[in-house]
Protein backbone atom coordinates (compact mmCIF):
# COMPACT_ATOMS: atom_id res chain seq x y z
CA MET A 1 20.03 -12.68 -43.82
CA THR A 2 18.70 -10.72 -40.94
CA THR A 3 19.56 -10.71 -37.08
CA ALA A 4 17.63 -9.57 -34.32
CA THR A 5 18.93 -8.81 -30.84
CA ALA A 6 17.23 -7.39 -27.67
CA GLU A 7 18.51 -5.00 -25.03
CA GLN A 8 17.26 -3.74 -21.73
CA SER A 9 15.82 -0.28 -22.08
CA CYS A 10 15.11 1.77 -19.13
CA ALA A 11 15.07 5.14 -20.67
CA LEU A 12 12.69 7.63 -18.87
CA PRO A 13 10.29 9.79 -21.20
CA VAL A 14 10.54 13.30 -20.82
CA HIS A 15 7.46 14.85 -19.09
CA ASP A 16 6.61 18.45 -18.46
CA GLY A 17 3.10 17.81 -16.89
CA SER A 18 1.39 18.18 -13.63
CA PHE A 19 2.55 16.75 -10.36
CA MET A 20 0.03 13.74 -10.99
CA GLN A 21 1.58 13.01 -14.52
CA LYS A 22 5.10 13.22 -13.07
CA LEU A 23 4.15 11.07 -10.00
CA ASN A 24 3.11 8.43 -12.23
CA THR A 25 5.83 8.59 -14.81
CA VAL A 26 9.32 9.96 -13.91
CA TRP A 27 8.66 9.97 -10.35
CA HIS A 28 6.74 6.82 -10.10
CA LYS A 29 9.61 4.55 -8.89
CA PRO A 30 10.81 6.81 -5.95
CA GLY A 31 7.13 7.42 -5.05
CA ASN A 32 6.52 3.65 -4.83
CA GLN A 33 9.64 3.06 -3.01
CA ALA A 34 8.62 5.97 -0.35
CA PHE A 35 5.18 4.46 -0.08
CA MET A 36 6.45 1.00 0.63
CA VAL A 37 8.70 2.43 3.40
CA VAL A 38 5.47 3.74 5.06
CA VAL A 39 3.64 0.66 4.52
CA LEU A 40 6.54 -1.57 6.03
CA ALA A 41 6.83 0.93 8.91
CA HIS A 42 3.36 0.22 9.94
CA TRP A 43 3.67 -3.46 9.40
CA ALA A 44 6.64 -3.36 12.00
CA GLU A 45 4.22 -1.57 14.36
CA HIS A 46 1.55 -4.33 13.98
CA LEU A 47 4.32 -7.14 14.38
CA VAL A 48 5.74 -5.53 17.40
CA GLN A 49 2.19 -5.42 19.03
CA ALA A 50 1.61 -9.01 18.05
CA PHE A 51 5.04 -10.05 19.60
CA GLN A 52 3.99 -8.15 22.83
CA ILE A 53 0.56 -9.97 23.04
CA TRP A 54 1.49 -13.64 21.85
CA VAL A 55 5.18 -13.87 22.86
CA LEU A 56 5.63 -11.52 25.84
CA ASN A 57 2.20 -12.20 27.09
CA TRP A 58 1.49 -8.57 27.86
CA PRO A 59 -2.20 -7.58 28.42
CA ARG A 60 -3.83 -6.35 25.36
CA PRO A 61 -4.44 -2.81 26.59
CA GLN A 62 -0.63 -2.50 27.47
CA ALA A 63 0.35 -3.86 23.99
CA LEU A 64 0.65 -0.63 22.06
CA GLY A 65 3.38 -1.42 19.47
CA LEU A 66 6.58 0.55 19.41
CA LEU A 67 5.46 4.13 18.89
CA GLY A 68 2.64 3.29 21.31
CA LEU A 69 4.99 2.78 24.11
CA TRP A 70 6.83 6.04 23.42
CA GLN A 71 3.46 8.04 22.94
CA PRO A 72 0.59 5.99 24.17
CA TRP A 73 -1.91 8.80 23.03
CA LEU A 74 -1.07 7.77 19.42
CA VAL A 75 -2.80 4.41 19.91
CA LYS A 76 -5.38 5.36 22.33
CA THR A 77 -6.73 8.19 20.44
CA GLU A 78 -6.74 6.22 17.17
CA ALA A 79 -4.57 9.18 15.57
CA MET A 80 -1.82 6.94 14.34
CA HIS A 81 -4.05 4.17 12.83
CA TYR A 82 -6.39 6.55 11.24
CA GLY A 83 -3.57 8.74 9.90
CA TYR A 84 -1.84 5.57 8.56
CA ALA A 85 -5.20 4.42 6.99
CA LEU A 86 -5.64 7.78 5.33
CA VAL A 87 -2.11 7.88 3.97
CA MET A 88 -2.41 4.45 2.51
CA LEU A 89 -5.63 5.42 0.75
CA ILE A 90 -4.32 8.51 -0.69
CA GLY A 91 -1.04 6.74 -1.74
CA LEU A 92 -2.80 3.85 -3.49
CA PHE A 93 -5.13 6.31 -5.15
CA MET A 94 -2.28 8.78 -6.34
CA LEU A 95 0.06 6.00 -7.51
CA ARG A 96 -2.67 4.02 -9.39
CA PRO A 97 -2.57 5.83 -12.76
CA GLY A 98 1.18 4.69 -13.19
CA PHE A 99 0.09 0.99 -13.33
CA ALA A 100 -1.33 -0.86 -16.39
CA GLY A 101 -2.64 -4.28 -17.27
CA LYS A 102 -2.49 -6.99 -14.59
CA SER A 103 -0.57 -4.60 -12.17
CA LEU A 104 -3.32 -2.14 -12.42
CA THR A 105 -5.97 -4.81 -11.67
CA TRP A 106 -4.35 -5.80 -8.54
CA TRP A 107 -3.49 -2.36 -7.38
CA THR A 108 -7.17 -1.49 -7.77
CA ILE A 109 -8.10 -4.49 -5.50
CA SER A 110 -5.72 -3.23 -3.02
CA LEU A 111 -7.20 0.10 -3.30
CA ALA A 112 -10.60 -1.09 -2.86
CA ILE A 113 -9.95 -2.97 0.33
CA GLN A 114 -8.14 -0.07 1.81
CA PHE A 115 -11.03 2.11 1.06
CA TRP A 116 -13.14 -0.14 3.39
CA HIS A 117 -10.39 -0.49 5.89
CA HIS A 118 -10.20 3.42 6.07
CA ILE A 119 -14.01 3.51 6.85
CA GLU A 120 -13.63 1.26 9.60
CA HIS A 121 -10.85 3.40 11.03
CA ALA A 122 -12.91 6.59 10.33
CA LEU A 123 -15.63 4.92 12.47
CA LEU A 124 -13.13 4.34 15.23
CA GLN A 125 -11.77 7.94 15.10
CA GLY A 126 -15.19 9.48 15.06
CA GLN A 127 -16.38 7.47 18.17
CA TYR A 128 -13.33 8.68 20.01
CA LEU A 129 -13.73 12.44 18.90
CA PHE A 130 -17.52 12.46 19.74
CA HIS A 131 -17.27 10.53 22.94
CA HIS A 132 -20.11 8.23 21.52
CA ASN A 133 -19.43 4.57 20.96
CA LEU A 134 -21.46 2.61 18.44
CA PHE A 135 -23.31 -0.76 19.02
CA GLY A 136 -23.58 -0.14 22.77
CA SER A 137 -19.83 -0.94 23.21
CA PRO A 138 -17.98 0.35 26.13
CA VAL A 139 -14.95 1.26 23.73
CA PRO A 140 -14.73 2.43 20.20
CA THR A 141 -15.78 -0.56 17.85
CA SER A 142 -15.79 -0.90 14.12
CA ILE A 143 -18.22 -2.98 12.11
CA ALA A 144 -16.20 -6.16 11.64
CA GLN A 145 -14.95 -5.80 15.17
CA LEU A 146 -18.35 -6.79 16.29
CA TRP A 147 -17.24 -10.32 15.22
CA PHE A 148 -13.48 -10.46 15.44
CA PRO A 149 -11.09 -9.29 18.05
CA ARG A 150 -9.42 -5.89 17.29
CA VAL A 151 -5.73 -7.05 16.93
CA GLU A 152 -6.53 -9.94 14.86
CA LEU A 153 -8.95 -7.82 12.52
CA HIS A 154 -6.33 -5.34 11.77
CA LEU A 155 -3.64 -7.75 11.02
CA PHE A 156 -6.05 -9.30 8.71
CA TYR A 157 -6.89 -6.04 7.07
CA ASN A 158 -3.26 -5.04 6.68
CA THR A 159 -2.59 -8.62 5.18
CA ILE A 160 -5.41 -8.49 2.43
CA VAL A 161 -4.51 -4.96 1.51
CA PHE A 162 -0.76 -5.82 1.35
CA ILE A 163 -1.01 -9.05 -0.62
CA PRO A 164 -2.49 -7.46 -3.89
CA MET A 165 -0.21 -4.63 -3.44
CA VAL A 166 2.88 -6.98 -3.76
CA ILE A 167 1.26 -8.88 -6.64
CA ALA A 168 0.74 -5.54 -8.46
CA MET A 169 4.18 -4.46 -7.78
CA TYR A 170 5.67 -7.70 -9.31
CA TYR A 171 3.50 -7.42 -12.36
CA HIS A 172 4.64 -3.75 -12.53
CA MET A 173 8.19 -4.47 -12.34
CA PHE A 174 7.87 -7.57 -14.66
CA PRO A 175 5.44 -6.76 -17.07
CA ALA A 176 4.08 -9.04 -19.69
CA PRO A 177 5.46 -8.23 -23.20
CA GLY A 178 2.11 -6.91 -24.44
CA GLU A 179 1.73 -4.67 -21.18
CA ALA A 180 5.16 -3.09 -21.21
CA SER A 181 4.08 -0.17 -23.31
CA GLY A 182 1.54 0.77 -20.57
CA HIS A 183 4.26 1.82 -18.31
CA GLY A 184 5.78 5.23 -18.56
CA CYS A 185 8.08 4.93 -15.62
CA SER A 186 11.39 3.40 -14.69
CA CYS A 187 9.97 0.81 -12.33
CA ALA A 188 10.51 -1.92 -14.99
CA CYS A 189 13.19 -2.42 -17.62
CA ASN A 190 11.27 -3.73 -20.56
CA ARG A 191 12.98 -5.88 -23.15
CA ARG A 192 12.49 -4.28 -26.47
CA PRO A 193 13.73 -5.86 -29.84
CA LEU A 194 15.86 -3.85 -31.93
CA VAL A 195 14.96 -3.00 -35.67
CA ASN A 196 16.22 -5.85 -38.00
CA ALA A 197 18.88 -4.97 -40.21
CA PRO A 198 20.11 -6.54 -43.47
CA ALA A 199 23.39 -8.41 -42.96
CA ALA A 200 26.30 -6.95 -44.98
């Protein structure tokens, strides 16, 4: 007669590789946590701006979020939003090798959307730096902004980048049994069956 039990195993593999190898194995969990702090901080800025516009009824040029009230140039020069878009793109790219299976698919979707979001912000930043607005607009304008108001557009962009990122993190933290071996980090605790042993 044999018996089989299962245990939670969260042991980290030992890695002596490059920064990228460590970031996507032994440092993947703290890397993702730090990245999420940046993501949520930027979300807070957008939500404060939305509150200023739709609850406090501030004129849009004065609704600059939290940091924008303290340092208006961060918003007016596009520096904060472009910097965030770039950090998001780099973070999604650098943390991507640590994902596998369904989590990798969803993380890649988020990366692809953020790539386009970054291009939109790069266009805005370029117009500000070169003092030449596109499309005959009196203010710097992105491509999608030709059809959608700026505040609503960036809330939309942040949402469609964030949703697949959250789905990816769910599948990464709770991987399907067949995908668990694809993770070399401590983000998930995979249930692994112990070797069957004959009963005494």
